[in-house]
Amino acid sequence: MSFVPDEFEVPVRLVTPSFVLEPLDPKHNERDYEAWTSSSDHIRATHGYAGRSWPAPMTPAENLADLERHRDEFVARAVFAYTVLDPRDNSVVGCVYVDPDPTGASDALVRTWVRASRAQLDEELRGTVVDWLQREWPFASVSCPAE
């Protein structure tokens, strides 16, 4: 079942001076793997990741399979995962996940993470994405995990 109406054109890019979002894809595997494996402790301390099973050790091949799953979910319009890129060098800074809220308290639940070396972007990324989803997506309400 589609998470958004069939007539809604899902954005494939968001560009800001600090970062660029594009759909998470297998082409990001090496950069994505390096970003999150170098920052697992920081990610676990980020809102929305406490008590979750990820990040957990995996091989680059397992990460590739995970990225393929995210791409397939995006194409199916079930869940939307975006990679966060540095606009200067195209390195992976983090990720954004837009899911249906399983509690029903809001239309969409958003989780974001950035690599530890870019921790200063945590709040800016989260705030920008929530504003974008409320302004340009067909959601009446958007929430982020408090912890």
C-alpha atoms as a PDB file:
ATOM      1  CA  MET A   1       0.000   0.000   0.000  1.00  0.00           C
ATOM      2  CA  SER A   2       1.282   3.442  -0.921  1.00  0.00           C
ATOM      3  CA  PHE A   3       2.223   5.742   1.950  1.00  0.00           C
ATOM      4  CA  VAL A   4       1.338   8.825  -0.140  1.00  0.00           C
ATOM      5  CA  PRO A   5      -1.431   9.419  -2.684  1.00  0.00           C
ATOM      6  CA  ASP A   6      -0.779   8.048  -6.174  1.00  0.00           C
ATOM      7  CA  GLU A   7      -0.992  11.534  -7.702  1.00  0.00           C
ATOM      8  CA  PHE A   8       1.689  12.936  -5.378  1.00  0.00           C
ATOM      9  CA  GLU A   9       5.039  13.368  -7.095  1.00  0.00           C
ATOM     10  CA  VAL A  10       7.588  12.252  -4.515  1.00  0.00           C
ATOM     11  CA  PRO A  11      10.515  14.703  -4.404  1.00  0.00           C
ATOM     12  CA  VAL A  12      13.829  13.188  -5.427  1.00  0.00           C
ATOM     13  CA  ARG A  13      16.007  16.075  -4.311  1.00  0.00           C
ATOM     14  CA  LEU A  14      16.191  18.730  -1.641  1.00  0.00           C
ATOM     15  CA  VAL A  15      19.072  21.189  -1.886  1.00  0.00           C
ATOM     16  CA  THR A  16      20.179  23.515   0.907  1.00  0.00           C
ATOM     17  CA  PRO A  17      23.492  25.306   1.442  1.00  0.00           C
ATOM     18  CA  SER A  18      24.405  22.700   4.101  1.00  0.00           C
ATOM     19  CA  PHE A  19      23.278  19.429   2.510  1.00  0.00           C
ATOM     20  CA  VAL A  20      21.546  17.718  -0.400  1.00  0.00           C
ATOM     21  CA  LEU A  21      18.980  14.931  -0.056  1.00  0.00           C
ATOM     22  CA  GLU A  22      18.503  12.290  -2.713  1.00  0.00           C
ATOM     23  CA  PRO A  23      16.907   8.834  -2.501  1.00  0.00           C
ATOM     24  CA  LEU A  24      19.120   6.297  -0.742  1.00  0.00           C
ATOM     25  CA  ASP A  25      20.407   3.914  -3.366  1.00  0.00           C
ATOM     26  CA  PRO A  26      22.925   1.089  -3.788  1.00  0.00           C
ATOM     27  CA  LYS A  27      25.264   3.537  -5.555  1.00  0.00           C
ATOM     28  CA  HIS A  28      25.828   5.110  -2.109  1.00  0.00           C
ATOM     29  CA  ASN A  29      26.989   1.833  -0.526  1.00  0.00           C
ATOM     30  CA  GLU A  30      30.665   2.556   0.050  1.00  0.00           C
ATOM     31  CA  ARG A  31      30.117   6.132   1.261  1.00  0.00           C
ATOM     32  CA  ASP A  32      27.077   5.179   3.363  1.00  0.00           C
ATOM     33  CA  TYR A  33      28.880   2.251   4.977  1.00  0.00           C
ATOM     34  CA  GLU A  34      31.859   4.423   5.897  1.00  0.00           C
ATOM     35  CA  ALA A  35      29.595   7.164   7.288  1.00  0.00           C
ATOM     36  CA  TRP A  36      27.553   5.064   9.678  1.00  0.00           C
ATOM     37  CA  THR A  37      30.265   2.599  10.728  1.00  0.00           C
ATOM     38  CA  SER A  38      32.480   5.525  11.737  1.00  0.00           C
ATOM     39  CA  SER A  39      29.646   7.046  13.766  1.00  0.00           C
ATOM     40  CA  SER A  40      27.679   4.242  15.440  1.00  0.00           C
ATOM     41  CA  ASP A  41      27.963   5.680  18.949  1.00  0.00           C
ATOM     42  CA  HIS A  42      26.826   9.110  17.766  1.00  0.00           C
ATOM     43  CA  ILE A  43      23.885   7.599  15.874  1.00  0.00           C
ATOM     44  CA  ARG A  44      22.782   5.566  18.909  1.00  0.00           C
ATOM     45  CA  ALA A  45      22.743   8.833  20.900  1.00  0.00           C
ATOM     46  CA  THR A  46      20.579  10.574  18.250  1.00  0.00           C
ATOM     47  CA  HIS A  47      16.812  11.034  18.748  1.00  0.00           C
ATOM     48  CA  GLY A  48      14.978   7.991  17.411  1.00  0.00           C
ATOM     49  CA  TYR A  49      17.767   5.428  17.690  1.00  0.00           C
ATOM     50  CA  ALA A  50      17.868   4.526  21.372  1.00  0.00           C
ATOM     51  CA  GLY A  51      16.866   0.897  21.790  1.00  0.00           C
ATOM     52  CA  ARG A  52      16.794   0.202  18.045  1.00  0.00           C
ATOM     53  CA  SER A  53      18.612  -2.768  16.518  1.00  0.00           C
ATOM     54  CA  TRP A  54      20.506  -0.512  14.090  1.00  0.00           C
ATOM     55  CA  PRO A  55      23.290   0.445  13.838  1.00  0.00           C
ATOM     56  CA  ALA A  56      24.657  -3.054  14.261  1.00  0.00           C
ATOM     57  CA  PRO A  57      27.682  -4.668  12.689  1.00  0.00           C
ATOM     58  CA  MET A  58      27.204  -5.727   9.085  1.00  0.00           C
ATOM     59  CA  THR A  59      29.400  -6.335   6.092  1.00  0.00           C
ATOM     60  CA  PRO A  60      29.503  -4.034   3.071  1.00  0.00           C
ATOM     61  CA  ALA A  61      27.521  -6.708   1.187  1.00  0.00           C
ATOM     62  CA  GLU A  62      24.832  -6.703   3.895  1.00  0.00           C
ATOM     63  CA  ASN A  63      24.754  -2.908   3.769  1.00  0.00           C
ATOM     64  CA  LEU A  64      24.276  -3.096  -0.005  1.00  0.00           C
ATOM     65  CA  ALA A  65      21.295  -5.420   0.488  1.00  0.00           C
ATOM     66  CA  ASP A  66      19.872  -2.948   3.012  1.00  0.00           C
ATOM     67  CA  LEU A  67      20.249  -0.086   0.518  1.00  0.00           C
ATOM     68  CA  GLU A  68      18.534  -2.188  -2.151  1.00  0.00           C
ATOM     69  CA  ARG A  69      15.635  -2.740   0.262  1.00  0.00           C
ATOM     70  CA  HIS A  70      15.408   1.007   0.943  1.00  0.00           C
ATOM     71  CA  ARG A  71      15.413   1.729  -2.807  1.00  0.00           C
ATOM     72  CA  ASP A  72      12.642  -0.816  -3.393  1.00  0.00           C
ATOM     73  CA  GLU A  73      10.533   0.665  -0.551  1.00  0.00           C
ATOM     74  CA  PHE A  74      10.993   4.131  -2.072  1.00  0.00           C
ATOM     75  CA  VAL A  75       9.913   2.922  -5.521  1.00  0.00           C
ATOM     76  CA  ALA A  76       6.885   1.199  -3.954  1.00  0.00           C
ATOM     77  CA  ARG A  77       6.064   4.477  -2.160  1.00  0.00           C
ATOM     78  CA  ALA A  78       5.894   2.601   1.148  1.00  0.00           C
ATOM     79  CA  VAL A  79       8.764   4.285   3.036  1.00  0.00           C
ATOM     80  CA  PHE A  80      11.154   7.022   1.946  1.00  0.00           C
ATOM     81  CA  ALA A  81      14.858   6.917   2.772  1.00  0.00           C
ATOM     82  CA  TYR A  82      17.161   9.697   1.641  1.00  0.00           C
ATOM     83  CA  THR A  83      20.909   9.952   1.784  1.00  0.00           C
ATOM     84  CA  VAL A  84      22.276  13.254   3.059  1.00  0.00           C
ATOM     85  CA  LEU A  85      25.175  14.481   0.944  1.00  0.00           C
ATOM     86  CA  ASP A  86      27.680  17.266   1.437  1.00  0.00           C
ATOM     87  CA  PRO A  87      27.068  19.714  -1.442  1.00  0.00           C
ATOM     88  CA  ARG A  88      30.804  20.459  -1.738  1.00  0.00           C
ATOM     89  CA  ASP A  89      32.250  16.977  -2.159  1.00  0.00           C
ATOM     90  CA  ASN A  90      29.232  14.615  -2.428  1.00  0.00           C
ATOM     91  CA  SER A  91      30.324  12.668   0.663  1.00  0.00           C
ATOM     92  CA  VAL A  92      27.606  10.970   2.715  1.00  0.00           C
ATOM     93  CA  VAL A  93      26.801  13.039   5.779  1.00  0.00           C
ATOM     94  CA  GLY A  94      23.850  10.961   7.022  1.00  0.00           C
ATOM     95  CA  CYS A  95      20.363   9.691   6.229  1.00  0.00           C
ATOM     96  CA  VAL A  96      16.694  10.620   6.560  1.00  0.00           C
ATOM     97  CA  TYR A  97      13.900   8.060   6.978  1.00  0.00           C
ATOM     98  CA  VAL A  98      10.248   8.993   6.443  1.00  0.00           C
ATOM     99  CA  ASP A  99       7.889   6.258   7.611  1.00  0.00           C
ATOM    100  CA  PRO A 100       4.191   5.961   8.341  1.00  0.00           C
ATOM    101  CA  ASP A 101       3.786   6.599  12.076  1.00  0.00           C
ATOM    102  CA  PRO A 102       2.997   3.163  13.545  1.00  0.00           C
ATOM    103  CA  THR A 103       1.221   4.764  16.510  1.00  0.00           C
ATOM    104  CA  GLY A 104      -1.146   6.773  14.308  1.00  0.00           C
ATOM    105  CA  ALA A 105      -0.314   9.920  16.284  1.00  0.00           C
ATOM    106  CA  SER A 106       0.905  11.611  13.096  1.00  0.00           C
ATOM    107  CA  ASP A 107       0.912  10.907   9.365  1.00  0.00           C
ATOM    108  CA  ALA A 108       4.676  10.543   9.137  1.00  0.00           C
ATOM    109  CA  LEU A 109       7.468   9.673  11.529  1.00  0.00           C
ATOM    110  CA  VAL A 110      10.897  11.086  10.673  1.00  0.00           C
ATOM    111  CA  ARG A 111      14.266   9.849  11.873  1.00  0.00           C
ATOM    112  CA  THR A 112      17.545  11.449  10.838  1.00  0.00           C
ATOM    113  CA  TRP A 113      21.190  10.817  11.601  1.00  0.00           C
ATOM    114  CA  VAL A 114      24.472  12.448  10.679  1.00  0.00           C
ATOM    115  CA  ARG A 115      28.014  11.187  11.014  1.00  0.00           C
ATOM    116  CA  ALA A 116      29.796  12.148  14.216  1.00  0.00           C
ATOM    117  CA  SER A 117      32.168  14.500  12.390  1.00  0.00           C
ATOM    118  CA  ARG A 118      29.135  16.515  11.213  1.00  0.00           C
ATOM    119  CA  ALA A 119      27.185  16.447  14.493  1.00  0.00           C
ATOM    120  CA  GLN A 120      26.578  20.205  14.236  1.00  0.00           C
ATOM    121  CA  LEU A 121      24.062  19.400  11.448  1.00  0.00           C
ATOM    122  CA  ASP A 122      21.813  17.197  13.622  1.00  0.00           C
ATOM    123  CA  GLU A 123      19.246  19.844  14.556  1.00  0.00           C
ATOM    124  CA  GLU A 124      19.431  21.750  11.252  1.00  0.00           C
ATOM    125  CA  LEU A 125      18.801  18.567   9.250  1.00  0.00           C
ATOM    126  CA  ARG A 126      15.913  17.438  11.454  1.00  0.00           C
ATOM    127  CA  GLY A 127      14.251  20.875  11.437  1.00  0.00           C
ATOM    128  CA  THR A 128      14.694  21.410   7.708  1.00  0.00           C
ATOM    129  CA  VAL A 129      13.275  17.984   6.876  1.00  0.00           C
ATOM    130  CA  VAL A 130      10.243  18.381   9.145  1.00  0.00           C
ATOM    131  CA  ASP A 131       9.517  21.812   7.618  1.00  0.00           C
ATOM    132  CA  TRP A 132       9.917  20.381   4.091  1.00  0.00           C
ATOM    133  CA  LEU A 133       7.580  17.471   4.822  1.00  0.00           C
ATOM    134  CA  GLN A 134       4.937  19.754   6.324  1.00  0.00           C
ATOM    135  CA  ARG A 135       5.205  22.295   3.515  1.00  0.00           C
ATOM    136  CA  GLU A 136       5.589  20.142   0.384  1.00  0.00           C
ATOM    137  CA  TRP A 137       4.313  16.669   1.213  1.00  0.00           C
ATOM    138  CA  PRO A 138       0.678  15.567   1.707  1.00  0.00           C
ATOM    139  CA  PHE A 139       0.994  15.097   5.470  1.00  0.00           C
ATOM    140  CA  ALA A 140      -1.262  16.840   7.966  1.00  0.00           C
ATOM    141  CA  SER A 141       1.205  16.071  10.760  1.00  0.00           C
ATOM    142  CA  VAL A 142       4.835  15.003  11.035  1.00  0.00           C
ATOM    143  CA  SER A 143       6.602  13.830  14.179  1.00  0.00           C
ATOM    144  CA  CYS A 144      10.132  12.968  15.252  1.00  0.00           C
ATOM    145  CA  PRO A 145      11.031  10.644  18.106  1.00  0.00           C
ATOM    146  CA  ALA A 146      11.735  12.615  21.274  1.00  0.00           C
ATOM    147  CA  GLU A 147      14.563  10.283  22.320  1.00  0.00           C
END
